[in-house]
Amino acid sequence: MEELKHNKLSAAALICGFIPLTSLLLSVFQIRMDDGIRLLLSELNFVSALTGLILAGIGSRNTRTRSFALTVAALLCGSELVLMIGFLLLAWMLPFLS
């Protein structure tokens, strides 16, 4: 039973990590969206990356429940969060630099 919970936690963390990547594909293929939808999508990206990082942290707390999927989810969500925070800091500093 505990193994099933662990597998569900790993799958949920990986799914939360791949949600921001799907929105990146939307921008790569230059799909046009309204500003409201774009704002909602950016909020969903931040929340899903943060949720995936928290789920990966919860699953990796015990040494016997650590898995490769949780490690990948933690790295993916952590790098997405760092990238999002970097973009926010750049957008905040850009008016002062110009």
Protein backbone atom coordinates (compact mmCIF):
# COMPACT_ATOMS: atom_id res chain seq x y z
CA MET A 1 0.00 0.00 0.00
CA GLU A 2 2.83 2.36 0.84
CA GLU A 3 4.51 1.61 -2.50
CA LEU A 4 1.32 2.64 -4.31
CA LYS A 5 1.25 5.96 -2.42
CA HIS A 6 4.90 6.50 -3.30
CA ASN A 7 4.27 5.83 -7.00
CA LYS A 8 1.31 8.23 -7.03
CA LEU A 9 3.42 10.90 -5.34
CA SER A 10 6.19 10.45 -7.89
CA ALA A 11 3.73 10.64 -10.78
CA ALA A 12 2.07 13.76 -9.36
CA ALA A 13 5.42 15.48 -8.89
CA LEU A 14 6.47 14.66 -12.47
CA ILE A 15 3.16 15.87 -13.89
CA CYS A 16 3.51 19.13 -11.97
CA GLY A 17 7.00 19.47 -13.42
CA PHE A 18 5.87 18.98 -17.00
CA ILE A 19 2.99 21.50 -16.95
CA PRO A 20 5.32 24.52 -17.39
CA LEU A 21 7.09 22.73 -20.24
CA THR A 22 3.82 22.38 -22.14
CA SER A 23 3.22 26.11 -21.91
CA LEU A 24 6.74 26.64 -23.22
CA LEU A 25 5.75 24.62 -26.28
CA LEU A 26 2.83 27.00 -26.81
CA SER A 27 5.24 29.90 -27.02
CA VAL A 28 7.68 28.01 -29.25
CA PHE A 29 4.93 27.32 -31.78
CA GLN A 30 3.82 30.97 -31.46
CA ILE A 31 0.23 30.25 -30.52
CA ARG A 32 -1.57 33.55 -29.90
CA MET A 33 -3.49 33.98 -26.63
CA ASP A 34 -5.32 36.78 -24.88
CA ASP A 35 -3.60 38.59 -22.02
CA GLY A 36 -5.95 37.07 -19.44
CA ILE A 37 -5.22 33.54 -20.59
CA ARG A 38 -1.50 34.25 -20.65
CA LEU A 39 -1.66 35.61 -17.08
CA LEU A 40 -3.63 32.57 -15.92
CA LEU A 41 -1.13 30.26 -17.60
CA SER A 42 1.83 31.99 -15.96
CA GLU A 43 0.19 31.67 -12.54
CA LEU A 44 -0.53 27.99 -13.23
CA ASN A 45 3.12 27.48 -14.19
CA PHE A 46 4.41 29.00 -10.95
CA VAL A 47 1.94 27.11 -8.76
CA SER A 48 2.56 23.78 -10.50
CA ALA A 49 6.36 24.14 -10.29
CA LEU A 50 6.14 25.03 -6.60
CA THR A 51 3.73 22.15 -5.94
CA GLY A 52 5.97 19.70 -7.80
CA LEU A 53 8.99 20.81 -5.79
CA ILE A 54 7.08 20.41 -2.52
CA LEU A 55 5.80 16.96 -3.54
CA ALA A 56 9.28 15.86 -4.54
CA GLY A 57 10.63 17.10 -1.22
CA ILE A 58 7.97 15.21 0.71
CA GLY A 59 8.66 12.02 -1.23
CA SER A 60 12.42 12.30 -0.85
CA ARG A 61 12.36 12.91 2.88
CA ASN A 62 12.89 9.24 3.69
CA THR A 63 15.96 7.51 2.21
CA ARG A 64 14.12 4.30 1.34
CA THR A 65 11.38 6.13 -0.59
CA ARG A 66 13.70 8.15 -2.80
CA SER A 67 13.49 7.31 -6.46
CA PHE A 68 14.85 8.48 -9.77
CA ALA A 69 11.47 10.00 -10.70
CA LEU A 70 11.42 12.15 -7.56
CA THR A 71 14.96 13.32 -8.23
CA VAL A 72 14.09 14.27 -11.80
CA ALA A 73 10.92 16.04 -10.61
CA ALA A 74 12.87 17.99 -7.98
CA LEU A 75 15.52 19.07 -10.48
CA LEU A 76 12.93 19.98 -13.11
CA CYS A 77 10.69 21.96 -10.77
CA GLY A 78 13.63 23.63 -9.03
CA SER A 79 15.16 24.77 -12.29
CA GLU A 80 11.80 26.06 -13.52
CA LEU A 81 11.31 28.06 -10.32
CA VAL A 82 14.80 29.55 -10.54
CA LEU A 83 14.14 30.48 -14.17
CA MET A 84 10.80 32.11 -13.30
CA ILE A 85 12.29 34.09 -10.43
CA GLY A 86 15.15 35.19 -12.69
CA PHE A 87 12.67 36.44 -15.29
CA LEU A 88 10.76 38.34 -12.63
CA LEU A 89 13.93 39.96 -11.32
CA LEU A 90 15.01 40.87 -14.85
CA ALA A 91 11.60 42.42 -15.59
CA TRP A 92 11.81 44.36 -12.33
CA MET A 93 15.36 45.63 -12.99
CA LEU A 94 14.98 46.40 -16.70
CA PRO A 95 13.40 49.87 -16.27
CA PHE A 96 16.26 50.90 -14.01
CA LEU A 97 18.89 49.72 -16.49
CA SER A 98 17.54 51.62 -19.49
